[in-house]
Amino acid sequence: MSPATSRHVFRRIAGGLLAAAVGGTVLAGCTAGTVPSATLSPAASPSVDSSTPVAVATESNPPGDIPDNQVYVDFQVPGTSVHVKVPEGWSQSGSGQDASFTDKLNSVEIAVSAAGSVPTVASVTSADVPSLTSAVSNFALGDVTAVTRKGGDAVLLTYEADSAPDSVTNKVVRDAIERYTFYSKGTRVDLTLTGPKGADNVDPWRIVSDSVTL
């Protein structure tokens, strides 16, 4: 083979190799830049931010709770020297020396009577408890204890009973009741404080029971 022929063959081989190299590079570039549709990830679902604050319902007093800002006014039982503070604005009923003050599910009752002896834990247990058992619905005795209030000594009888059915809804409420019996110089005062079982009326009932004077 002549030198001229050899150079011609070499150029043809080199050109072919260069064309193959360029074509391979282009193909590789196209392949690298193309993502097969089978490898595409599905769109991510929207996430919920757990740090977002959740609205909290406004709290309200349970049924029967007497508000802390309740105002109390003095009440004198007609024809007597007996005084007691009662919640202002409550509905008053009763006659003579018996009076009741009610609001929603709560009530304050005052009964004044003549008595020949000082009430004791024993006398209240033996006489008053049986009377209440037959007079109120579903009576359940709590305690009978001697207590002292600002106006003097008293016998405290606690019990539970069912309320009278509501005139509109016919609903019956389970009541928790405190009954204080005071005595002075032949005069007996029975103070009955009634509210729904579970209501927090400790402070209001203390204000009322501490205010009794004979």
Protein backbone atom coordinates (compact mmCIF):
# COMPACT_ATOMS: atom_id res chain seq x y z
CA MET A 1 0.00 0.00 0.00
CA SER A 2 1.34 3.37 -0.99
CA PRO A 3 1.88 6.12 1.58
CA ALA A 4 -0.99 8.16 0.05
CA THR A 5 -3.39 5.22 0.32
CA SER A 6 -2.36 4.60 3.93
CA ARG A 7 -3.05 8.21 4.87
CA HIS A 8 -6.48 8.03 3.20
CA VAL A 9 -7.46 4.88 5.11
CA PHE A 10 -6.24 6.37 8.40
CA ARG A 11 -8.35 9.51 7.86
CA ARG A 12 -11.48 7.39 7.17
CA ILE A 13 -10.95 5.28 10.31
CA ALA A 14 -10.26 8.35 12.50
CA GLY A 15 -13.31 10.15 11.12
CA GLY A 16 -15.51 7.18 11.85
CA LEU A 17 -14.21 6.91 15.37
CA LEU A 18 -14.80 10.66 15.95
CA ALA A 19 -18.36 10.46 14.60
CA ALA A 20 -19.09 7.48 16.83
CA ALA A 21 -17.69 9.29 19.84
CA VAL A 22 -19.73 12.42 19.17
CA GLY A 23 -22.90 10.39 18.63
CA GLY A 24 -22.35 8.47 21.84
CA THR A 25 -21.84 11.67 23.79
CA VAL A 26 -25.03 13.19 22.40
CA LEU A 27 -27.00 10.01 23.19
CA ALA A 28 -25.57 9.86 26.67
CA GLY A 29 -26.45 13.52 27.24
CA CYS A 30 -30.02 12.98 26.08
CA THR A 31 -30.37 9.89 28.26
CA ALA A 32 -28.95 11.65 31.32
CA GLY A 33 -31.26 14.62 30.88
CA THR A 34 -34.41 12.50 30.47
CA VAL A 35 -36.23 11.05 33.53
CA PRO A 36 -38.41 8.03 32.74
CA SER A 37 -42.01 8.70 33.57
CA ALA A 38 -42.14 5.51 35.69
CA THR A 39 -39.72 7.07 38.22
CA LEU A 40 -41.79 10.22 38.85
CA SER A 41 -42.98 10.51 42.46
CA PRO A 42 -46.65 11.29 43.11
CA ALA A 43 -47.43 14.78 44.34
CA ALA A 44 -46.99 15.03 48.12
CA SER A 45 -50.18 15.40 50.16
CA PRO A 46 -50.59 18.72 52.01
CA SER A 47 -49.38 18.37 55.60
CA VAL A 48 -51.23 19.68 58.69
CA ASP A 49 -49.26 21.94 60.97
CA SER A 50 -49.63 20.34 64.40
CA SER A 51 -48.41 23.55 66.02
CA THR A 52 -51.55 25.45 64.98
CA PRO A 53 -53.42 26.40 68.21
CA VAL A 54 -56.83 24.80 68.70
CA ALA A 55 -59.67 27.04 69.86
CA VAL A 56 -60.83 26.29 73.43
CA ALA A 57 -64.45 26.79 74.42
CA THR A 58 -65.11 29.51 76.97
CA GLU A 59 -65.73 28.06 80.38
CA SER A 60 -68.93 28.83 82.26
CA ASN A 61 -70.11 28.26 85.80
CA PRO A 62 -71.62 24.82 86.35
CA PRO A 63 -75.40 24.85 86.91
CA GLY A 64 -76.17 26.06 90.43
CA ASP A 65 -72.91 27.89 91.12
CA ILE A 66 -73.65 31.26 92.73
CA PRO A 67 -71.42 33.95 91.13
CA ASP A 68 -68.50 35.28 93.18
CA ASN A 69 -69.74 38.84 92.68
CA GLN A 70 -73.17 38.13 94.18
CA VAL A 71 -74.35 40.94 96.47
CA TYR A 72 -76.09 40.18 99.77
CA VAL A 73 -78.64 42.30 101.61
CA ASP A 74 -80.01 42.17 105.14
CA PHE A 75 -83.42 40.61 105.68
CA GLN A 76 -85.38 40.80 108.93
CA VAL A 77 -88.02 38.16 109.49
CA PRO A 78 -91.31 40.05 110.07
CA GLY A 79 -92.36 40.33 113.73
CA THR A 80 -89.02 39.05 115.03
CA SER A 81 -85.52 40.22 115.82
CA VAL A 82 -84.05 37.60 113.48
CA HIS A 83 -81.78 38.92 110.73
CA VAL A 84 -80.02 37.11 107.89
CA LYS A 85 -78.20 38.18 104.75
CA VAL A 86 -79.81 36.93 101.54
CA PRO A 87 -78.66 37.20 97.90
CA GLU A 88 -79.88 40.43 96.35
CA GLY A 89 -82.33 40.08 93.45
CA TRP A 90 -83.56 36.60 94.31
CA SER A 91 -87.30 35.96 94.16
CA GLN A 92 -88.97 36.10 97.57
CA SER A 93 -91.96 34.03 98.66
CA GLY A 94 -93.56 32.80 101.88
CA SER A 95 -95.61 34.42 104.59
CA GLY A 96 -95.48 35.18 108.29
CA GLN A 97 -92.23 34.04 109.85
CA ASP A 98 -91.35 31.67 107.00
CA ALA A 99 -89.57 33.13 103.97
CA SER A 100 -87.88 31.70 100.90
CA PHE A 101 -85.52 33.28 98.38
CA THR A 102 -84.88 31.46 95.12
CA ASP A 103 -82.86 31.92 91.95
CA LYS A 104 -82.64 29.26 89.26
CA LEU A 105 -81.62 26.08 91.10
CA ASN A 106 -80.70 27.56 94.49
CA SER A 107 -82.77 28.59 97.47
CA VAL A 108 -82.48 30.08 100.96
CA GLU A 109 -85.30 29.31 103.41
CA ILE A 110 -85.76 30.80 106.87
CA ALA A 111 -88.30 29.47 109.36
CA VAL A 112 -88.75 31.00 112.82
CA SER A 113 -90.68 29.20 115.56
CA ALA A 114 -91.00 29.01 119.33
CA ALA A 115 -89.10 26.23 121.11
CA GLY A 116 -88.88 25.24 124.75
CA SER A 117 -85.41 23.68 124.63
CA VAL A 118 -82.09 24.06 122.89
CA PRO A 119 -81.80 21.82 119.80
CA THR A 120 -79.00 19.28 120.01
CA VAL A 121 -77.41 16.77 117.65
CA ALA A 122 -79.43 14.04 119.39
CA SER A 123 -82.76 15.88 119.20
CA VAL A 124 -82.30 16.83 115.55
CA THR A 125 -81.35 13.25 114.70
CA SER A 126 -84.29 11.71 116.54
CA ALA A 127 -86.98 14.24 115.57
CA ASP A 128 -86.01 16.21 112.47
CA VAL A 129 -84.45 13.42 110.41
CA PRO A 130 -87.59 11.20 110.44
CA SER A 131 -89.73 14.24 109.62
CA LEU A 132 -87.56 15.13 106.62
CA THR A 133 -87.44 11.50 105.48
CA SER A 134 -91.20 11.49 105.03
CA ALA A 135 -91.44 15.05 103.68
CA VAL A 136 -88.82 15.16 100.92
CA SER A 137 -88.26 12.98 97.87
CA ASN A 138 -85.49 10.37 97.94
CA PHE A 139 -83.98 11.58 101.22
CA ALA A 140 -80.36 10.56 101.94
CA LEU A 141 -78.85 11.57 105.28
CA GLY A 142 -75.40 13.09 105.42
CA ASP A 143 -74.16 14.27 108.83
CA VAL A 144 -75.61 15.86 111.94
CA THR A 145 -73.00 17.96 113.73
CA ALA A 146 -72.64 20.85 116.15
CA VAL A 147 -71.11 23.96 114.51
CA THR A 148 -70.36 27.53 115.43
CA ARG A 149 -71.19 30.52 113.26
CA LYS A 150 -70.67 34.21 113.87
CA GLY A 151 -74.23 34.55 115.17
CA GLY A 152 -73.88 31.66 117.62
CA ASP A 153 -73.94 27.89 117.92
CA ALA A 154 -76.09 25.71 115.68
CA VAL A 155 -76.81 22.13 114.71
CA LEU A 156 -75.97 21.43 111.06
CA LEU A 157 -77.87 18.70 109.26
CA THR A 158 -76.69 17.81 105.74
CA TYR A 159 -78.62 15.62 103.35
CA GLU A 160 -79.49 15.02 99.70
CA ALA A 161 -82.92 14.95 98.10
CA ASP A 162 -84.61 15.17 94.73
CA SER A 163 -86.02 18.53 93.72
CA ALA A 164 -89.60 19.01 92.64
CA PRO A 165 -89.99 18.47 88.86
CA ASP A 166 -89.39 21.61 86.79
CA SER A 167 -92.71 23.12 85.73
CA VAL A 168 -91.52 23.42 82.10
CA THR A 169 -89.08 20.59 81.46
CA ASN A 170 -90.28 18.21 84.20
CA LYS A 171 -86.59 17.64 84.99
CA VAL A 172 -85.63 16.59 88.54
CA VAL A 173 -82.34 17.81 90.05
CA ARG A 174 -80.42 16.05 92.80
CA ASP A 175 -79.94 18.62 95.56
CA ALA A 176 -77.33 18.92 98.31
CA ILE A 177 -78.81 20.63 101.37
CA GLU A 178 -77.44 22.31 104.50
CA ARG A 179 -79.93 22.90 107.31
CA TYR A 180 -78.81 25.01 110.30
CA THR A 181 -80.84 25.15 113.49
CA PHE A 182 -80.14 28.15 115.74
CA TYR A 183 -81.69 28.87 119.12
CA SER A 184 -81.89 31.81 121.51
CA LYS A 185 -84.23 32.57 124.40
CA GLY A 186 -87.10 30.37 123.26
CA THR A 187 -86.75 31.23 119.56
CA ARG A 188 -85.67 28.62 117.05
CA VAL A 189 -84.44 29.48 113.54
CA ASP A 190 -84.11 26.84 110.84
CA LEU A 191 -82.00 28.05 107.90
CA THR A 192 -82.10 25.72 104.88
CA LEU A 193 -79.66 26.24 102.00
CA THR A 194 -80.37 24.21 98.87
CA GLY A 195 -78.40 23.84 95.63
CA PRO A 196 -77.63 21.18 93.01
CA LYS A 197 -75.28 18.43 94.08
CA GLY A 198 -71.79 19.26 92.83
CA ALA A 199 -72.31 23.04 92.76
CA ASP A 200 -69.55 25.02 94.47
CA ASN A 201 -71.52 27.19 96.90
CA VAL A 202 -69.29 26.82 99.96
CA ASP A 203 -68.47 30.53 100.21
CA PRO A 204 -72.00 31.86 99.52
CA TRP A 205 -73.53 29.47 102.04
CA ARG A 206 -70.93 30.49 104.60
CA ILE A 207 -71.81 34.16 104.11
CA VAL A 208 -75.50 33.44 104.66
CA SER A 209 -75.10 31.09 107.64
CA ASP A 210 -72.58 33.42 109.32
CA SER A 211 -75.05 36.33 109.07
CA VAL A 212 -77.85 34.85 111.19
CA THR A 213 -78.58 36.81 114.38
CA LEU A 214 -81.41 36.27 116.86
